[in-house]
N, C-alpha and C. Protein backbone atom coordinates (compact mmCIF):
# COMPACT_ATOMS: atom_id res chain seq x y z
N MET A 1 96.28 3.34 11.81
CA MET A 1 97.43 3.36 12.69
C MET A 1 97.26 4.52 13.67
N ASP A 2 97.43 4.24 14.94
CA ASP A 2 97.31 5.25 15.98
C ASP A 2 98.71 5.77 16.31
N ARG A 3 98.97 7.01 15.90
CA ARG A 3 100.28 7.61 16.18
C ARG A 3 100.12 8.61 17.30
N LYS A 4 100.65 8.29 18.44
CA LYS A 4 100.58 9.20 19.58
C LYS A 4 101.67 10.25 19.44
N ARG A 5 101.29 11.50 19.49
CA ARG A 5 102.26 12.58 19.41
C ARG A 5 102.80 12.86 20.80
N PRO A 6 104.10 13.16 20.92
CA PRO A 6 104.67 13.46 22.23
C PRO A 6 103.95 14.60 22.95
N ALA A 7 103.42 15.59 22.21
CA ALA A 7 102.73 16.71 22.85
C ALA A 7 101.44 16.25 23.54
N ASP A 8 100.92 15.09 23.14
CA ASP A 8 99.70 14.57 23.76
C ASP A 8 99.97 13.86 25.07
N ASP A 9 101.21 13.60 25.38
CA ASP A 9 101.58 12.84 26.55
C ASP A 9 102.01 13.78 27.66
N ALA A 10 101.17 13.94 28.68
CA ALA A 10 101.45 14.89 29.77
C ALA A 10 102.74 14.55 30.50
N ALA A 11 103.16 13.30 30.47
CA ALA A 11 104.36 12.89 31.19
C ALA A 11 105.62 12.95 30.31
N ALA A 12 105.50 13.45 29.09
CA ALA A 12 106.65 13.49 28.19
C ALA A 12 107.74 14.38 28.76
N PRO A 13 109.00 13.92 28.70
CA PRO A 13 110.10 14.75 29.20
C PRO A 13 110.36 15.91 28.25
N GLY A 14 111.04 16.91 28.74
CA GLY A 14 111.41 18.02 27.88
C GLY A 14 110.81 19.33 28.35
N LEU A 15 110.69 20.28 27.45
CA LEU A 15 110.23 21.62 27.75
C LEU A 15 108.77 21.60 28.19
N PRO A 16 108.47 21.97 29.44
CA PRO A 16 107.08 21.96 29.92
C PRO A 16 106.21 22.91 29.11
N GLY A 17 105.04 22.47 28.74
CA GLY A 17 104.06 23.31 28.07
C GLY A 17 104.25 23.46 26.57
N LEU A 18 105.30 22.88 26.00
CA LEU A 18 105.51 22.98 24.56
C LEU A 18 104.39 22.20 23.86
N THR A 19 103.66 22.88 22.97
CA THR A 19 102.53 22.24 22.31
C THR A 19 102.68 22.11 20.81
N ARG A 20 103.34 23.08 20.17
CA ARG A 20 103.47 23.04 18.71
C ARG A 20 104.41 24.14 18.25
N LEU A 21 104.75 24.11 16.99
CA LEU A 21 105.51 25.18 16.37
C LEU A 21 104.56 26.36 16.19
N HIS A 22 104.93 27.54 16.64
CA HIS A 22 104.04 28.70 16.56
C HIS A 22 104.10 29.40 15.21
N HIS A 23 105.29 29.72 14.71
CA HIS A 23 105.41 30.37 13.42
C HIS A 23 106.81 30.16 12.85
N ILE A 24 106.94 30.50 11.60
CA ILE A 24 108.22 30.46 10.90
C ILE A 24 108.52 31.89 10.48
N ALA A 25 109.73 32.38 10.74
CA ALA A 25 110.13 33.73 10.35
C ALA A 25 111.09 33.64 9.17
N ILE A 26 110.77 34.40 8.12
CA ILE A 26 111.55 34.36 6.88
C ILE A 26 111.92 35.79 6.50
N ILE A 27 113.18 36.00 6.14
CA ILE A 27 113.63 37.30 5.65
C ILE A 27 113.68 37.22 4.13
N ALA A 28 113.00 38.14 3.47
CA ALA A 28 112.88 38.14 2.01
C ALA A 28 113.66 39.30 1.41
N ALA A 29 114.21 39.08 0.23
CA ALA A 29 114.91 40.15 -0.49
C ALA A 29 113.91 41.09 -1.16
N ASN A 30 112.84 40.53 -1.70
CA ASN A 30 111.85 41.31 -2.44
C ASN A 30 110.47 40.97 -1.87
N LEU A 31 109.90 41.91 -1.13
CA LEU A 31 108.63 41.65 -0.44
C LEU A 31 107.53 41.28 -1.42
N ASP A 32 107.41 42.02 -2.52
CA ASP A 32 106.33 41.75 -3.47
C ASP A 32 106.45 40.35 -4.07
N ALA A 33 107.66 39.96 -4.46
CA ALA A 33 107.85 38.62 -5.03
C ALA A 33 107.53 37.54 -4.01
N SER A 34 107.95 37.74 -2.77
CA SER A 34 107.68 36.74 -1.74
C SER A 34 106.20 36.68 -1.39
N LEU A 35 105.54 37.83 -1.32
CA LEU A 35 104.10 37.83 -1.05
C LEU A 35 103.35 37.13 -2.18
N ASP A 36 103.74 37.38 -3.42
CA ASP A 36 103.10 36.70 -4.54
C ASP A 36 103.25 35.19 -4.39
N PHE A 37 104.43 34.75 -4.03
CA PHE A 37 104.69 33.32 -3.88
C PHE A 37 103.88 32.72 -2.73
N TYR A 38 103.99 33.31 -1.55
CA TYR A 38 103.33 32.71 -0.38
C TYR A 38 101.82 32.88 -0.41
N VAL A 39 101.33 33.97 -1.00
CA VAL A 39 99.88 34.19 -1.04
C VAL A 39 99.26 33.53 -2.27
N ARG A 40 99.72 33.90 -3.46
CA ARG A 40 99.09 33.38 -4.68
C ARG A 40 99.41 31.90 -4.91
N VAL A 41 100.66 31.53 -4.74
CA VAL A 41 101.06 30.15 -5.07
C VAL A 41 100.73 29.18 -3.94
N LEU A 42 101.10 29.54 -2.70
CA LEU A 42 100.92 28.59 -1.60
C LEU A 42 99.60 28.76 -0.84
N GLY A 43 98.91 29.88 -1.01
CA GLY A 43 97.59 30.04 -0.40
C GLY A 43 97.56 30.66 0.98
N PHE A 44 98.66 31.28 1.40
CA PHE A 44 98.65 31.99 2.68
C PHE A 44 97.83 33.27 2.53
N ARG A 45 97.36 33.79 3.65
CA ARG A 45 96.58 35.04 3.66
C ARG A 45 97.31 36.06 4.52
N ILE A 46 97.26 37.31 4.07
CA ILE A 46 97.89 38.39 4.83
C ILE A 46 97.00 38.74 6.01
N ARG A 47 97.58 38.70 7.20
CA ARG A 47 96.84 39.09 8.42
C ARG A 47 97.18 40.52 8.82
N THR A 48 98.46 40.86 8.84
CA THR A 48 98.89 42.22 9.13
C THR A 48 100.08 42.55 8.24
N ARG A 49 100.23 43.84 7.96
CA ARG A 49 101.34 44.31 7.13
C ARG A 49 101.81 45.63 7.72
N ASN A 50 103.01 45.63 8.29
CA ASN A 50 103.51 46.82 8.99
C ASN A 50 104.90 47.19 8.53
N PHE A 51 105.07 48.50 8.26
CA PHE A 51 106.40 49.02 7.98
C PHE A 51 106.96 49.57 9.28
N ARG A 52 108.14 49.12 9.65
CA ARG A 52 108.78 49.55 10.89
C ARG A 52 109.87 50.55 10.52
N ALA A 53 109.53 51.84 10.63
CA ALA A 53 110.40 52.91 10.15
C ALA A 53 111.76 52.90 10.83
N ALA A 54 111.81 52.62 12.11
CA ALA A 54 113.09 52.64 12.83
C ALA A 54 114.09 51.64 12.25
N ARG A 55 113.59 50.55 11.69
CA ARG A 55 114.47 49.52 11.12
C ARG A 55 114.43 49.50 9.60
N GLN A 56 113.62 50.40 9.00
CA GLN A 56 113.42 50.40 7.55
C GLN A 56 113.08 48.99 7.07
N SER A 57 112.13 48.38 7.78
CA SER A 57 111.84 46.97 7.59
C SER A 57 110.34 46.72 7.55
N TRP A 58 109.94 45.82 6.67
CA TRP A 58 108.56 45.35 6.65
C TRP A 58 108.45 44.08 7.49
N LYS A 59 107.29 43.93 8.13
CA LYS A 59 106.91 42.68 8.79
C LYS A 59 105.48 42.38 8.36
N VAL A 60 105.30 41.25 7.71
CA VAL A 60 103.98 40.84 7.23
C VAL A 60 103.66 39.49 7.87
N ASP A 61 102.54 39.44 8.57
CA ASP A 61 102.09 38.19 9.18
C ASP A 61 101.17 37.47 8.21
N LEU A 62 101.53 36.23 7.90
CA LEU A 62 100.76 35.40 6.99
C LEU A 62 100.22 34.19 7.74
N ARG A 63 99.05 33.74 7.35
CA ARG A 63 98.51 32.50 7.92
C ARG A 63 97.83 31.72 6.80
N HIS A 64 98.11 30.43 6.81
CA HIS A 64 97.49 29.51 5.85
C HIS A 64 96.20 28.98 6.48
N PRO A 65 95.19 28.64 5.68
CA PRO A 65 93.98 28.05 6.26
C PRO A 65 94.25 26.81 7.11
N SER A 66 95.36 26.13 6.89
CA SER A 66 95.73 24.97 7.70
C SER A 66 96.19 25.35 9.10
N GLY A 67 96.45 26.64 9.32
CA GLY A 67 96.93 27.11 10.62
C GLY A 67 98.41 27.46 10.64
N ILE A 68 99.15 27.13 9.59
CA ILE A 68 100.58 27.45 9.53
C ILE A 68 100.74 28.97 9.46
N ALA A 69 101.65 29.50 10.28
CA ALA A 69 101.89 30.95 10.31
C ALA A 69 103.32 31.25 9.89
N ILE A 70 103.45 32.30 9.08
CA ILE A 70 104.76 32.78 8.64
C ILE A 70 104.84 34.27 8.94
N GLU A 71 105.96 34.69 9.51
CA GLU A 71 106.29 36.11 9.63
C GLU A 71 107.29 36.40 8.51
N LEU A 72 106.91 37.28 7.60
CA LEU A 72 107.75 37.62 6.46
C LEU A 72 108.35 38.99 6.70
N PHE A 73 109.68 39.08 6.70
CA PHE A 73 110.39 40.32 6.98
C PHE A 73 111.21 40.76 5.77
N THR A 74 111.49 42.06 5.71
CA THR A 74 112.54 42.59 4.84
C THR A 74 113.46 43.43 5.70
N PHE A 75 114.73 43.44 5.35
CA PHE A 75 115.72 44.30 5.99
C PHE A 75 116.62 44.85 4.89
N PRO A 76 116.97 46.13 4.97
CA PRO A 76 117.84 46.67 3.93
C PRO A 76 119.20 45.97 3.93
N ASP A 77 119.64 45.63 2.75
CA ASP A 77 120.97 45.03 2.56
C ASP A 77 121.19 43.74 3.35
N ALA A 78 120.14 42.97 3.56
CA ALA A 78 120.31 41.68 4.24
C ALA A 78 121.14 40.75 3.35
N PRO A 79 122.17 40.13 3.90
CA PRO A 79 122.99 39.24 3.07
C PRO A 79 122.25 37.94 2.76
N ALA A 80 122.57 37.37 1.62
CA ALA A 80 121.99 36.08 1.26
C ALA A 80 122.56 35.00 2.17
N ARG A 81 121.73 34.04 2.50
CA ARG A 81 122.17 32.89 3.31
C ARG A 81 122.26 31.69 2.39
N PRO A 82 123.45 31.16 2.20
CA PRO A 82 123.57 30.03 1.26
C PRO A 82 122.84 28.79 1.78
N THR A 83 122.17 28.09 0.87
CA THR A 83 121.52 26.83 1.23
C THR A 83 122.31 25.65 0.67
N ARG A 84 123.21 25.94 -0.26
CA ARG A 84 124.09 24.91 -0.81
C ARG A 84 125.46 25.52 -0.94
N PRO A 85 126.55 24.84 -0.62
CA PRO A 85 126.55 23.45 -0.15
C PRO A 85 125.93 23.34 1.24
N GLU A 86 125.64 22.12 1.64
CA GLU A 86 125.04 21.88 2.96
C GLU A 86 125.88 22.56 4.04
N ALA A 87 125.21 23.24 4.95
CA ALA A 87 125.89 23.94 6.03
C ALA A 87 125.18 23.62 7.34
N LEU A 88 125.81 23.96 8.43
CA LEU A 88 125.19 23.74 9.74
C LEU A 88 123.95 24.61 9.88
N GLY A 89 123.03 24.17 10.70
CA GLY A 89 121.82 24.94 10.96
C GLY A 89 120.62 24.37 10.24
N LEU A 90 119.61 25.19 10.14
CA LEU A 90 118.35 24.78 9.52
C LEU A 90 118.59 24.37 8.07
N ARG A 91 118.15 23.19 7.72
CA ARG A 91 118.37 22.67 6.37
C ARG A 91 117.21 23.02 5.44
N HIS A 92 115.99 22.75 5.87
CA HIS A 92 114.81 23.07 5.08
C HIS A 92 113.59 23.01 5.99
N LEU A 93 112.46 23.44 5.46
CA LEU A 93 111.17 23.34 6.15
C LEU A 93 110.29 22.43 5.31
N ALA A 94 109.34 21.75 5.94
CA ALA A 94 108.52 20.79 5.21
C ALA A 94 107.04 21.02 5.47
N PHE A 95 106.27 20.98 4.39
CA PHE A 95 104.81 21.00 4.46
C PHE A 95 104.31 19.57 4.31
N ALA A 96 103.37 19.17 5.15
CA ALA A 96 102.70 17.88 4.99
C ALA A 96 101.57 18.06 3.99
N VAL A 97 101.48 17.18 3.01
CA VAL A 97 100.41 17.24 2.02
C VAL A 97 99.78 15.86 1.89
N ALA A 98 98.49 15.85 1.60
CA ALA A 98 97.77 14.58 1.44
C ALA A 98 97.98 13.99 0.05
N ASP A 99 98.13 14.86 -0.97
CA ASP A 99 98.27 14.41 -2.35
C ASP A 99 99.50 15.07 -2.96
N LEU A 100 100.60 14.37 -2.93
CA LEU A 100 101.87 14.92 -3.41
C LEU A 100 101.82 15.27 -4.89
N GLU A 101 101.20 14.43 -5.69
CA GLU A 101 101.12 14.70 -7.13
C GLU A 101 100.33 15.97 -7.41
N ALA A 102 99.19 16.15 -6.74
CA ALA A 102 98.37 17.35 -6.96
C ALA A 102 99.13 18.60 -6.52
N ALA A 103 99.81 18.53 -5.39
CA ALA A 103 100.58 19.68 -4.91
C ALA A 103 101.72 20.01 -5.88
N THR A 104 102.38 18.98 -6.38
CA THR A 104 103.48 19.18 -7.33
C THR A 104 102.97 19.80 -8.62
N ARG A 105 101.86 19.29 -9.14
CA ARG A 105 101.27 19.85 -10.36
C ARG A 105 100.91 21.32 -10.16
N HIS A 106 100.36 21.66 -9.01
CA HIS A 106 99.99 23.04 -8.71
C HIS A 106 101.22 23.95 -8.76
N LEU A 107 102.30 23.53 -8.12
CA LEU A 107 103.52 24.34 -8.11
C LEU A 107 104.07 24.51 -9.52
N ILE A 108 104.12 23.44 -10.28
CA ILE A 108 104.65 23.51 -11.64
C ILE A 108 103.80 24.43 -12.50
N ALA A 109 102.47 24.35 -12.36
CA ALA A 109 101.57 25.23 -13.12
C ALA A 109 101.78 26.69 -12.76
N ALA A 110 102.24 26.95 -11.54
CA ALA A 110 102.51 28.32 -11.10
C ALA A 110 103.93 28.77 -11.48
N GLY A 111 104.67 27.92 -12.18
CA GLY A 111 106.00 28.28 -12.62
C GLY A 111 107.11 27.99 -11.63
N VAL A 112 106.82 27.18 -10.61
CA VAL A 112 107.82 26.85 -9.59
C VAL A 112 108.55 25.57 -10.01
N ALA A 113 109.87 25.61 -9.96
CA ALA A 113 110.67 24.41 -10.26
C ALA A 113 110.55 23.44 -9.09
N VAL A 114 110.25 22.19 -9.41
CA VAL A 114 110.06 21.15 -8.39
C VAL A 114 110.98 19.98 -8.73
N GLU A 115 111.66 19.46 -7.72
CA GLU A 115 112.53 18.30 -7.93
C GLU A 115 111.68 17.05 -8.17
N ASP A 116 112.31 16.01 -8.67
CA ASP A 116 111.63 14.73 -8.86
C ASP A 116 111.15 14.20 -7.51
N ILE A 117 110.01 13.52 -7.53
CA ILE A 117 109.48 12.88 -6.33
C ILE A 117 110.37 11.70 -5.97
N ARG A 118 110.70 11.61 -4.69
CA ARG A 118 111.54 10.51 -4.18
C ARG A 118 110.80 9.81 -3.05
N THR A 119 111.36 8.69 -2.61
CA THR A 119 110.80 7.94 -1.49
C THR A 119 111.84 7.88 -0.38
N ASP A 120 111.42 8.21 0.84
CA ASP A 120 112.30 8.14 2.01
C ASP A 120 112.53 6.67 2.33
N PRO A 121 113.78 6.19 2.25
CA PRO A 121 114.01 4.76 2.49
C PRO A 121 113.72 4.34 3.92
N GLY A 122 113.76 5.27 4.86
CA GLY A 122 113.51 4.92 6.25
C GLY A 122 112.04 4.80 6.60
N THR A 123 111.21 5.66 5.98
CA THR A 123 109.79 5.68 6.33
C THR A 123 108.88 5.18 5.21
N GLY A 124 109.41 5.16 3.99
CA GLY A 124 108.58 4.79 2.85
C GLY A 124 107.72 5.93 2.35
N ALA A 125 107.81 7.09 2.99
CA ALA A 125 107.01 8.25 2.58
C ALA A 125 107.61 8.90 1.34
N ARG A 126 106.74 9.51 0.55
CA ARG A 126 107.17 10.18 -0.68
C ARG A 126 107.31 11.67 -0.42
N PHE A 127 108.27 12.30 -1.10
CA PHE A 127 108.53 13.72 -0.87
C PHE A 127 109.19 14.35 -2.09
N THR A 128 109.21 15.67 -2.11
CA THR A 128 109.92 16.43 -3.13
C THR A 128 110.31 17.78 -2.54
N PHE A 129 111.12 18.52 -3.27
CA PHE A 129 111.57 19.84 -2.82
C PHE A 129 111.30 20.90 -3.87
N PHE A 130 111.13 22.13 -3.39
CA PHE A 130 111.03 23.33 -4.23
C PHE A 130 111.59 24.47 -3.40
N SER A 131 111.72 25.65 -4.00
CA SER A 131 112.28 26.79 -3.28
C SER A 131 111.41 28.02 -3.46
N ASP A 132 111.49 28.92 -2.47
CA ASP A 132 110.79 30.20 -2.57
C ASP A 132 111.63 31.15 -3.44
N PRO A 133 111.17 32.38 -3.68
CA PRO A 133 111.92 33.29 -4.56
C PRO A 133 113.35 33.59 -4.11
N ASP A 134 113.65 33.42 -2.84
CA ASP A 134 115.01 33.66 -2.34
C ASP A 134 115.83 32.39 -2.22
N GLY A 135 115.31 31.28 -2.71
CA GLY A 135 116.05 30.03 -2.66
C GLY A 135 115.88 29.25 -1.37
N LEU A 136 114.97 29.68 -0.49
CA LEU A 136 114.71 28.93 0.74
C LEU A 136 114.10 27.58 0.37
N PRO A 137 114.76 26.49 0.75
CA PRO A 137 114.24 25.18 0.36
C PRO A 137 113.04 24.75 1.21
N TRP A 138 112.00 24.29 0.53
CA TRP A 138 110.81 23.73 1.16
C TRP A 138 110.65 22.29 0.67
N GLU A 139 110.14 21.47 1.54
CA GLU A 139 109.84 20.08 1.18
C GLU A 139 108.33 19.88 1.23
N LEU A 140 107.82 19.10 0.30
CA LEU A 140 106.45 18.58 0.37
C LEU A 140 106.58 17.13 0.78
N TYR A 141 105.92 16.75 1.86
CA TYR A 141 106.04 15.41 2.43
C TYR A 141 104.64 14.81 2.48
N GLN A 142 104.42 13.74 1.74
CA GLN A 142 103.08 13.14 1.70
C GLN A 142 102.78 12.40 2.99
N VAL A 143 101.63 12.72 3.58
CA VAL A 143 101.20 12.06 4.82
C VAL A 143 99.87 11.36 4.59
């Protein structure tokens, strides 16, 4: 199946020059726990790690071999952002995976709670959800 992406179409309407998502920024309560999760469990690599004294804040740039980039921040006394009940705004982020069962087994072996695999009734694609140490919901979507 040939799926043409809108970014490949020079005549596509919308924001000129938009090519892809550049990075995801995440605020973590516990830097060490989040680094363990994103590096050891998910396979991201630390590119830079900087303490910003003026803000008493860490900023760690992570990159996955797939090219996905995450900026991981800490801020003193950052309030928790509820993910449930459903609220306006960003609902979750999704990783595309080729083998949903293998990815799910990997997460479970690492001690991560994973929801049951479901099927999207609109697309027929299979997916599941898990959360990072701060409860940020992630989806695994089989492609």
